[in-house]
PDB file of N, CA and C in Angstrom:
ATOM      1  N   UNK A   1      14.370  21.509 -11.868  1.00  0.00           N
ATOM      2  CA  UNK A   1      14.879  20.558 -11.815  1.00  0.00           C
ATOM      3  C   UNK A   1      12.893  19.835 -11.819  1.00  0.00           C
ATOM      4  N   UNK A   2      12.238  19.175 -12.754  1.00  0.00           N
ATOM      5  CA  UNK A   2      10.501  18.769 -12.595  1.00  0.00           C
ATOM      6  C   UNK A   2      11.263  17.108 -11.751  1.00  0.00           C
ATOM      7  N   UNK A   3      10.066  17.047 -10.886  1.00  0.00           N
ATOM      8  CA  UNK A   3      10.187  15.478 -10.162  1.00  0.00           C
ATOM      9  C   UNK A   3       9.374  15.002 -10.400  1.00  0.00           C
ATOM     10  N   UNK A   4       8.852  13.505 -10.019  1.00  0.00           N
ATOM     11  CA  UNK A   4       7.877  12.887 -10.829  1.00  0.00           C
ATOM     12  C   UNK A   4       6.409  12.977 -10.002  1.00  0.00           C
ATOM     13  N   UNK A   5       6.396  13.783  -8.702  1.00  0.00           N
ATOM     14  CA  UNK A   5       5.148  13.961  -7.907  1.00  0.00           C
ATOM     15  C   UNK A   5       4.962  15.291  -8.606  1.00  0.00           C
ATOM     16  N   UNK A   6       5.262  15.945  -9.441  1.00  0.00           N
ATOM     17  CA  UNK A   6       5.205  17.460  -9.693  1.00  0.00           C
ATOM     18  C   UNK A   6       4.214  17.007 -11.113  1.00  0.00           C
ATOM     19  N   UNK A   7       5.160  16.026 -11.582  1.00  0.00           N
ATOM     20  CA  UNK A   7       4.498  15.416 -12.932  1.00  0.00           C
ATOM     21  C   UNK A   7       3.000  14.409 -13.094  1.00  0.00           C
ATOM     22  N   UNK A   8       3.263  13.868 -11.929  1.00  0.00           N
ATOM     23  CA  UNK A   8       1.912  12.915 -11.475  1.00  0.00           C
ATOM     24  C   UNK A   8       0.503  14.094 -11.151  1.00  0.00           C
ATOM     25  N   UNK A   9       1.155  14.721 -10.433  1.00  0.00           N
ATOM     26  CA  UNK A   9       0.194  15.952 -10.265  1.00  0.00           C
ATOM     27  C   UNK A   9      -0.574  16.564 -11.410  1.00  0.00           C
ATOM     28  N   UNK A  10       0.085  17.083 -12.153  1.00  0.00           N
ATOM     29  CA  UNK A  10      -0.133  17.614 -14.004  1.00  0.00           C
ATOM     30  C   UNK A  10      -1.235  16.423 -14.599  1.00  0.00           C
ATOM     31  N   UNK A  11      -0.537  15.192 -14.647  1.00  0.00           N
ATOM     32  CA  UNK A  11      -1.567  14.313 -14.988  1.00  0.00           C
ATOM     33  C   UNK A  11      -2.531  13.944 -14.201  1.00  0.00           C
ATOM     34  N   UNK A  12      -2.703  13.542 -12.897  1.00  0.00           N
ATOM     35  CA  UNK A  12      -3.631  13.239 -12.019  1.00  0.00           C
ATOM     36  C   UNK A  12      -4.746  14.567 -12.425  1.00  0.00           C
ATOM     37  N   UNK A  13      -4.457  15.843 -13.071  1.00  0.00           N
ATOM     38  CA  UNK A  13      -5.737  16.704 -12.729  1.00  0.00           C
ATOM     39  C   UNK A  13      -6.267  16.724 -14.096  1.00  0.00           C
ATOM     40  N   UNK A  14      -5.188  16.115 -15.111  1.00  0.00           N
ATOM     41  CA  UNK A  14      -5.754  16.277 -16.624  1.00  0.00           C
ATOM     42  C   UNK A  14      -6.767  14.693 -16.900  1.00  0.00           C
ATOM     43  N   UNK A  15      -6.047  14.182 -15.922  1.00  0.00           N
ATOM     44  CA  UNK A  15      -6.786  12.428 -15.909  1.00  0.00           C
ATOM     45  C   UNK A  15      -6.861  11.798 -14.540  1.00  0.00           C
ATOM     46  N   UNK A  16      -8.025  12.196 -14.281  1.00  0.00           N
ATOM     47  CA  UNK A  16      -8.085  11.724 -12.886  1.00  0.00           C
ATOM     48  C   UNK A  16      -8.116  10.103 -12.506  1.00  0.00           C
ATOM     49  N   UNK A  17      -7.802  10.059 -11.498  1.00  0.00           N
ATOM     50  CA  UNK A  17      -8.141   8.295 -11.629  1.00  0.00           C
ATOM     51  C   UNK A  17      -9.459   7.505 -10.924  1.00  0.00           C
ATOM     52  N   UNK A  18      -9.930   6.672 -11.519  1.00  0.00           N
ATOM     53  CA  UNK A  18     -10.956   6.259 -11.289  1.00  0.00           C
ATOM     54  C   UNK A  18     -11.242   5.805 -10.045  1.00  0.00           C
ATOM     55  N   UNK A  19     -11.658   6.214  -9.105  1.00  0.00           N
ATOM     56  CA  UNK A  19     -12.020   5.788  -7.616  1.00  0.00           C
ATOM     57  C   UNK A  19     -12.637   4.739  -7.670  1.00  0.00           C
ATOM     58  N   UNK A  20     -13.121   3.802  -8.607  1.00  0.00           N
ATOM     59  CA  UNK A  20     -14.060   2.357  -8.244  1.00  0.00           C
ATOM     60  C   UNK A  20     -12.860   1.366  -8.712  1.00  0.00           C
ATOM     61  N   UNK A  21     -11.735   2.112  -9.546  1.00  0.00           N
ATOM     62  CA  UNK A  21     -10.196   0.956  -9.427  1.00  0.00           C
ATOM     63  C   UNK A  21      -9.309   1.000  -8.570  1.00  0.00           C
ATOM     64  N   UNK A  22      -9.181   0.182  -7.468  1.00  0.00           N
ATOM     65  CA  UNK A  22      -8.362   0.304  -6.915  1.00  0.00           C
ATOM     66  C   UNK A  22      -6.864  -0.066  -7.452  1.00  0.00           C
ATOM     67  N   UNK A  23      -6.336  -0.699  -8.301  1.00  0.00           N
ATOM     68  CA  UNK A  23      -5.404  -0.425  -9.038  1.00  0.00           C
ATOM     69  C   UNK A  23      -5.189   1.228  -9.132  1.00  0.00           C
ATOM     70  N   UNK A  24      -5.741   2.152  -9.754  1.00  0.00           N
ATOM     71  CA  UNK A  24      -5.786   3.702 -10.164  1.00  0.00           C
ATOM     72  C   UNK A  24      -5.290   4.117  -9.509  1.00  0.00           C
ATOM     73  N   UNK A  25      -6.323   4.058  -8.231  1.00  0.00           N
ATOM     74  CA  UNK A  25      -6.017   4.615  -6.754  1.00  0.00           C
ATOM     75  C   UNK A  25      -4.439   4.293  -6.058  1.00  0.00           C
ATOM     76  N   UNK A  26      -4.127   3.386  -6.373  1.00  0.00           N
ATOM     77  CA  UNK A  26      -2.695   2.942  -5.624  1.00  0.00           C
ATOM     78  C   UNK A  26      -1.697   3.740  -6.891  1.00  0.00           C
ATOM     79  N   UNK A  27      -1.615   3.417  -7.868  1.00  0.00           N
ATOM     80  CA  UNK A  27      -0.738   4.135  -8.757  1.00  0.00           C
ATOM     81  C   UNK A  27      -0.555   6.006  -8.868  1.00  0.00           C
ATOM     82  N   UNK A  28      -2.250   6.196  -8.468  1.00  0.00           N
ATOM     83  CA  UNK A  28      -2.129   7.811  -8.465  1.00  0.00           C
ATOM     84  C   UNK A  28      -1.366   7.981  -7.085  1.00  0.00           C
ATOM     85  N   UNK A  29      -1.704   7.518  -6.303  1.00  0.00           N
ATOM     86  CA  UNK A  29      -1.261   7.466  -4.487  1.00  0.00           C
ATOM     87  C   UNK A  29       0.590   7.422  -4.465  1.00  0.00           C
ATOM     88  N   UNK A  30       1.057   6.780  -5.040  1.00  0.00           N
ATOM     89  CA  UNK A  30       2.232   5.964  -5.062  1.00  0.00           C
ATOM     90  C   UNK A  30       3.013   7.608  -5.844  1.00  0.00           C
ATOM     91  N   UNK A  31       2.586   7.567  -7.314  1.00  0.00           N
ATOM     92  CA  UNK A  31       3.164   8.664  -8.210  1.00  0.00           C
ATOM     93  C   UNK A  31       3.056   9.965  -7.446  1.00  0.00           C
ATOM     94  N   UNK A  32       2.315  10.429  -6.394  1.00  0.00           N
ATOM     95  CA  UNK A  32       2.160  11.169  -6.050  1.00  0.00           C
ATOM     96  C   UNK A  32       2.619  12.112  -4.410  1.00  0.00           C
ATOM     97  N   UNK A  33       3.521  10.082  -4.103  1.00  0.00           N
ATOM     98  CA  UNK A  33       4.127  10.755  -3.059  1.00  0.00           C
ATOM     99  C   UNK A  33       3.703  10.061  -1.585  1.00  0.00           C
ATOM    100  N   UNK A  34       1.899  10.185  -2.110  1.00  0.00           N
ATOM    101  CA  UNK A  34       1.023   9.715  -0.750  1.00  0.00           C
ATOM    102  C   UNK A  34       1.430   8.451  -0.431  1.00  0.00           C
ATOM    103  N   UNK A  35       2.359   7.771  -0.004  1.00  0.00           N
ATOM    104  CA  UNK A  35       2.491   6.658   0.874  1.00  0.00           C
ATOM    105  C   UNK A  35       1.281   5.750   1.195  1.00  0.00           C
ATOM    106  N   UNK A  36       1.036   6.665   2.248  1.00  0.00           N
ATOM    107  CA  UNK A  36       0.029   6.133   3.647  1.00  0.00           C
ATOM    108  C   UNK A  36      -1.376   5.595   2.818  1.00  0.00           C
ATOM    109  N   UNK A  37      -0.958   6.773   2.179  1.00  0.00           N
ATOM    110  CA  UNK A  37      -2.974   6.334   0.590  1.00  0.00           C
ATOM    111  C   UNK A  37      -3.040   5.082   0.629  1.00  0.00           C
ATOM    112  N   UNK A  38      -1.883   5.093  -0.445  1.00  0.00           N
ATOM    113  CA  UNK A  38      -1.311   3.590  -1.371  1.00  0.00           C
ATOM    114  C   UNK A  38      -1.329   2.532  -0.580  1.00  0.00           C
ATOM    115  N   UNK A  39      -0.927   2.689   0.993  1.00  0.00           N
ATOM    116  CA  UNK A  39      -1.176   1.106   1.398  1.00  0.00           C
ATOM    117  C   UNK A  39      -2.651   1.076   2.017  1.00  0.00           C
ATOM    118  N   UNK A  40      -3.191   2.532   2.243  1.00  0.00           N
ATOM    119  CA  UNK A  40      -4.751   2.193   2.429  1.00  0.00           C
ATOM    120  C   UNK A  40      -5.302   1.949   0.887  1.00  0.00           C
ATOM    121  N   UNK A  41      -5.371   2.166   0.372  1.00  0.00           N
ATOM    122  CA  UNK A  41      -5.689   1.440  -1.163  1.00  0.00           C
ATOM    123  C   UNK A  41      -6.050   0.118  -1.299  1.00  0.00           C
ATOM    124  N   UNK A  42      -4.076  -0.013  -1.264  1.00  0.00           N
ATOM    125  CA  UNK A  42      -3.476  -1.369  -1.792  1.00  0.00           C
ATOM    126  C   UNK A  42      -4.373  -2.846  -0.830  1.00  0.00           C
ATOM    127  N   UNK A  43      -4.956  -2.063   0.008  1.00  0.00           N
ATOM    128  CA  UNK A  43      -5.551  -2.925   1.914  1.00  0.00           C
ATOM    129  C   UNK A  43      -6.845  -3.352   0.622  1.00  0.00           C
ATOM    130  N   UNK A  44      -7.380  -2.398   0.059  1.00  0.00           N
ATOM    131  CA  UNK A  44      -8.632  -2.874  -0.621  1.00  0.00           C
ATOM    132  C   UNK A  44      -8.732  -3.877  -1.659  1.00  0.00           C
ATOM    133  N   UNK A  45      -7.528  -3.808  -2.093  1.00  0.00           N
ATOM    134  CA  UNK A  45      -7.281  -4.827  -3.258  1.00  0.00           C
ATOM    135  C   UNK A  45      -6.661  -6.107  -2.940  1.00  0.00           C
ATOM    136  N   UNK A  46      -5.882  -5.836  -1.915  1.00  0.00           N
ATOM    137  CA  UNK A  46      -5.438  -7.672  -1.331  1.00  0.00           C
ATOM    138  C   UNK A  46      -4.354  -7.192   0.060  1.00  0.00           C
ATOM    139  N   UNK A  47      -4.716  -8.054   1.243  1.00  0.00           N
ATOM    140  CA  UNK A  47      -3.887  -7.271   2.345  1.00  0.00           C
ATOM    141  C   UNK A  47      -2.413  -7.967   2.300  1.00  0.00           C
ATOM    142  N   UNK A  48      -2.085  -9.184   1.233  1.00  0.00           N
ATOM    143  CA  UNK A  48      -1.047  -9.520   1.029  1.00  0.00           C
ATOM    144  C   UNK A  48      -0.229  -8.507   0.641  1.00  0.00           C
ATOM    145  N   UNK A  49      -0.895  -7.397  -0.649  1.00  0.00           N
ATOM    146  CA  UNK A  49      -0.036  -6.353  -1.052  1.00  0.00           C
ATOM    147  C   UNK A  49       0.375  -5.413  -0.262  1.00  0.00           C
ATOM    148  N   UNK A  50      -0.647  -4.740   0.911  1.00  0.00           N
ATOM    149  CA  UNK A  50      -0.515  -3.739   1.480  1.00  0.00           C
ATOM    150  C   UNK A  50       0.520  -4.129   2.458  1.00  0.00           C
ATOM    151  N   UNK A  51       0.631  -5.609   3.132  1.00  0.00           N
ATOM    152  CA  UNK A  51       1.434  -5.913   4.078  1.00  0.00           C
ATOM    153  C   UNK A  51       2.795  -5.975   3.509  1.00  0.00           C
ATOM    154  N   UNK A  52       3.033  -6.059   2.125  1.00  0.00           N
ATOM    155  CA  UNK A  52       4.396  -6.170   1.783  1.00  0.00           C
ATOM    156  C   UNK A  52       5.061  -4.676   1.019  1.00  0.00           C
ATOM    157  N   UNK A  53       3.962  -3.938   0.984  1.00  0.00           N
ATOM    158  CA  UNK A  53       3.823  -2.572   0.253  1.00  0.00           C
ATOM    159  C   UNK A  53       4.974  -2.123   1.834  1.00  0.00           C
ATOM    160  N   UNK A  54       3.964  -2.552   2.880  1.00  0.00           N
ATOM    161  CA  UNK A  54       4.778  -1.331   3.883  1.00  0.00           C
ATOM    162  C   UNK A  54       5.498  -1.734   4.466  1.00  0.00           C
ATOM    163  N   UNK A  55       5.840  -3.074   4.411  1.00  0.00           N
ATOM    164  CA  UNK A  55       7.448  -3.836   4.914  1.00  0.00           C
ATOM    165  C   UNK A  55       8.607  -2.729   4.373  1.00  0.00           C
ATOM    166  N   UNK A  56       8.004  -2.885   2.573  1.00  0.00           N
ATOM    167  CA  UNK A  56       9.459  -2.260   1.629  1.00  0.00           C
ATOM    168  C   UNK A  56       9.068  -1.157   1.724  1.00  0.00           C
ATOM    169  N   UNK A  57       8.697  -0.026   2.102  1.00  0.00           N
ATOM    170  CA  UNK A  57       8.061   1.306   2.554  1.00  0.00           C
ATOM    171  C   UNK A  57       8.531   1.896   3.646  1.00  0.00           C
ATOM    172  N   UNK A  58       8.496   0.956   4.885  1.00  0.00           N
ATOM    173  CA  UNK A  58       9.470   1.065   5.805  1.00  0.00           C
ATOM    174  C   UNK A  58      10.679   0.965   5.813  1.00  0.00           C
ATOM    175  N   UNK A  59      10.989  -0.028   5.001  1.00  0.00           N
ATOM    176  CA  UNK A  59      12.401  -0.560   5.266  1.00  0.00           C
ATOM    177  C   UNK A  59      13.569   0.898   3.869  1.00  0.00           C
ATOM    178  N   UNK A  60      12.659   1.370   3.087  1.00  0.00           N
ATOM    179  CA  UNK A  60      12.956   2.261   2.186  1.00  0.00           C
ATOM    180  C   UNK A  60      12.973   3.849   2.761  1.00  0.00           C
ATOM    181  N   UNK A  61      12.493   3.491   4.267  1.00  0.00           N
ATOM    182  CA  UNK A  61      11.867   4.760   5.052  1.00  0.00           C
ATOM    183  C   UNK A  61      10.970   5.989   4.611  1.00  0.00           C
ATOM    184  N   UNK A  62      10.321   5.503   3.921  1.00  0.00           N
ATOM    185  CA  UNK A  62       8.617   5.907   2.922  1.00  0.00           C
ATOM    186  C   UNK A  62       7.874   6.354   4.335  1.00  0.00           C
ATOM    187  N   UNK A  63       7.678   5.433   4.972  1.00  0.00           N
ATOM    188  CA  UNK A  63       6.937   5.632   5.979  1.00  0.00           C
ATOM    189  C   UNK A  63       7.445   5.731   7.328  1.00  0.00           C
ATOM    190  N   UNK A  64       6.946   6.122   8.414  1.00  0.00           N
ATOM    191  CA  UNK A  64       7.176   6.026  10.063  1.00  0.00           C
ATOM    192  C   UNK A  64       7.515   4.757  10.463  1.00  0.00           C
ATOM    193  N   UNK A  65       8.237   4.610  11.130  1.00  0.00           N
ATOM    194  CA  UNK A  65       8.364   3.346  11.740  1.00  0.00           C
ATOM    195  C   UNK A  65       7.050   2.744  12.438  1.00  0.00           C
ATOM    196  N   UNK A  66       6.609   1.588  11.949  1.00  0.00           N
ATOM    197  CA  UNK A  66       5.500   1.013  12.708  1.00  0.00           C
ATOM    198  C   UNK A  66       3.852   1.154  12.314  1.00  0.00           C
ATOM    199  N   UNK A  67       4.228   2.147  11.186  1.00  0.00           N
ATOM    200  CA  UNK A  67       2.724   1.876  10.520  1.00  0.00           C
ATOM    201  C   UNK A  67       2.526   0.404   9.781  1.00  0.00           C
ATOM    202  N   UNK A  68       4.097  -0.611   9.519  1.00  0.00           N
ATOM    203  CA  UNK A  68       3.883  -1.584   8.846  1.00  0.00           C
ATOM    204  C   UNK A  68       2.949  -2.766   9.599  1.00  0.00           C
ATOM    205  N   UNK A  69       3.111  -2.164  10.730  1.00  0.00           N
ATOM    206  CA  UNK A  69       2.543  -3.213  12.206  1.00  0.00           C
ATOM    207  C   UNK A  69       1.363  -3.283  11.210  1.00  0.00           C
ATOM    208  N   UNK A  70       0.449  -2.346  11.431  1.00  0.00           N
ATOM    209  CA  UNK A  70      -0.956  -2.469  11.215  1.00  0.00           C
ATOM    210  C   UNK A  70      -1.403  -3.674  10.105  1.00  0.00           C
ATOM    211  N   UNK A  71      -0.500  -3.424   8.752  1.00  0.00           N
ATOM    212  CA  UNK A  71      -0.999  -4.240   7.413  1.00  0.00           C
ATOM    213  C   UNK A  71      -0.566  -5.810   7.937  1.00  0.00           C
ATOM    214  N   UNK A  72       0.533  -5.776   8.385  1.00  0.00           N
ATOM    215  CA  UNK A  72       1.280  -7.101   8.587  1.00  0.00           C
ATOM    216  C   UNK A  72       0.437  -7.740   9.357  1.00  0.00           C
ATOM    217  N   UNK A  73      -0.153  -6.908  10.258  1.00  0.00           N
ATOM    218  CA  UNK A  73      -1.509  -8.093  11.403  1.00  0.00           C
ATOM    219  C   UNK A  73      -2.094  -8.493  10.521  1.00  0.00           C
ATOM    220  N   UNK A  74      -2.827  -7.872   9.586  1.00  0.00           N
ATOM    221  CA  UNK A  74      -3.995  -7.667   9.402  1.00  0.00           C
ATOM    222  C   UNK A  74      -4.114  -8.824   8.210  1.00  0.00           C
ATOM    223  N   UNK A  75      -2.411  -8.809   7.421  1.00  0.00           N
ATOM    224  CA  UNK A  75      -2.172 -10.327   6.995  1.00  0.00           C
ATOM    225  C   UNK A  75      -2.328 -11.650   7.838  1.00  0.00           C
ATOM    226  N   UNK A  76      -1.516 -11.093   8.691  1.00  0.00           N
ATOM    227  CA  UNK A  76      -1.428 -12.868   9.334  1.00  0.00           C
ATOM    228  C   UNK A  76      -2.907 -13.159   9.765  1.00  0.00           C
ATOM    229  N   UNK A  77      -3.584 -11.957  10.620  1.00  0.00           N
ATOM    230  CA  UNK A  77      -4.921 -12.280  10.758  1.00  0.00           C
ATOM    231  C   UNK A  77      -5.660 -13.071   9.516  1.00  0.00           C
ATOM    232  N   UNK A  78      -5.535 -12.729   8.396  1.00  0.00           N
ATOM    233  CA  UNK A  78      -6.626 -13.271   7.565  1.00  0.00           C
ATOM    234  C   UNK A  78      -5.789 -13.901   7.006  1.00  0.00           C
ATOM    235  N   UNK A  79      -4.562 -14.715   7.157  1.00  0.00           N
ATOM    236  CA  UNK A  79      -4.128 -16.026   6.896  1.00  0.00           C
ATOM    237  C   UNK A  79      -4.608 -16.840   7.875  1.00  0.00           C
ATOM    238  N   UNK A  80      -4.601 -16.673   9.388  1.00  0.00           N
ATOM    239  CA  UNK A  80      -5.156 -17.217  10.031  1.00  0.00           C
ATOM    240  C   UNK A  80      -6.465 -17.502  10.168  1.00  0.00           C
ATOM    241  N   UNK A  81      -7.205 -16.782   9.774  1.00  0.00           N
ATOM    242  CA  UNK A  81      -8.534 -16.808   9.645  1.00  0.00           C
ATOM    243  C   UNK A  81      -9.112 -18.075   8.363  1.00  0.00           C
ATOM    244  N   UNK A  82      -7.944 -18.246   7.284  1.00  0.00           N
ATOM    245  CA  UNK A  82      -8.192 -19.209   6.208  1.00  0.00           C
ATOM    246  C   UNK A  82      -7.828 -20.404   6.546  1.00  0.00           C
ATOM    247  N   UNK A  83      -7.711 -20.887   7.071  1.00  0.00           N
ATOM    248  CA  UNK A  83      -7.055 -21.776   7.982  1.00  0.00           C
ATOM    249  C   UNK A  83      -5.873 -22.303   7.306  1.00  0.00           C
ATOM    250  N   UNK A  84      -4.918 -21.101   7.731  1.00  0.00           N
ATOM    251  CA  UNK A  84      -3.400 -21.474   7.448  1.00  0.00           C
ATOM    252  C   UNK A  84      -2.522 -21.120   8.439  1.00  0.00           C
ATOM    253  N   UNK A  85      -3.121 -21.159   9.554  1.00  0.00           N
ATOM    254  CA  UNK A  85      -1.922 -21.012  10.755  1.00  0.00           C
ATOM    255  C   UNK A  85      -0.789 -21.209  10.995  1.00  0.00           C
ATOM    256  N   UNK A  86      -0.025 -22.240  10.136  1.00  0.00           N
ATOM    257  CA  UNK A  86       1.676 -21.626  10.254  1.00  0.00           C
ATOM    258  C   UNK A  86       1.452 -21.186   9.384  1.00  0.00           C
ATOM    259  N   UNK A  87       0.982 -20.332   8.224  1.00  0.00           N
ATOM    260  CA  UNK A  87       2.062 -19.179   7.546  1.00  0.00           C
ATOM    261  C   UNK A  87       1.516 -18.312   8.469  1.00  0.00           C
ATOM    262  N   UNK A  88       0.151 -17.955   9.088  1.00  0.00           N
ATOM    263  CA  UNK A  88      -0.456 -16.952   9.456  1.00  0.00           C
ATOM    264  C   UNK A  88       0.757 -16.521  10.969  1.00  0.00           C
ATOM    265  N   UNK A  89       1.456 -17.868  11.732  1.00  0.00           N
ATOM    266  CA  UNK A  89       2.326 -17.795  12.467  1.00  0.00           C
ATOM    267  C   UNK A  89       3.774 -17.274  12.381  1.00  0.00           C
ATOM    268  N   UNK A  90       4.235 -18.217  10.894  1.00  0.00           N
ATOM    269  CA  UNK A  90       5.550 -18.136  10.849  1.00  0.00           C
ATOM    270  C   UNK A  90       5.907 -16.874   9.917  1.00  0.00           C
ATOM    271  N   UNK A  91       4.651 -15.579   9.854  1.00  0.00           N
ATOM    272  CA  UNK A  91       5.082 -14.769   8.094  1.00  0.00           C
ATOM    273  C   UNK A  91       6.130 -13.778   8.658  1.00  0.00           C
ATOM    274  N   UNK A  92       6.059 -13.282  10.107  1.00  0.00           N
ATOM    275  CA  UNK A  92       7.230 -12.528  10.565  1.00  0.00           C
ATOM    276  C   UNK A  92       8.335 -13.404  10.776  1.00  0.00           C
TER     277      UNK A  92
END
């Protein structure tokens, strides 16, 4: 039985993702099963996206517990720095 990561690897070899496009890199990492790389790439696109990805991935046990804390903290700091202290304080 062929699994999706094997198919993704074959496709990525033939059609590599555009390294200048964060969405391409996120999709390639997700389909390849590289969850922490997907988190790093999603952070380049939007800290909100990476924090929510991290929460979902931890709940589904796709990443180790505690990895999501770093991304949630980045989002909280962003919200706080953006003059949104109530959202930053109440996010978790």
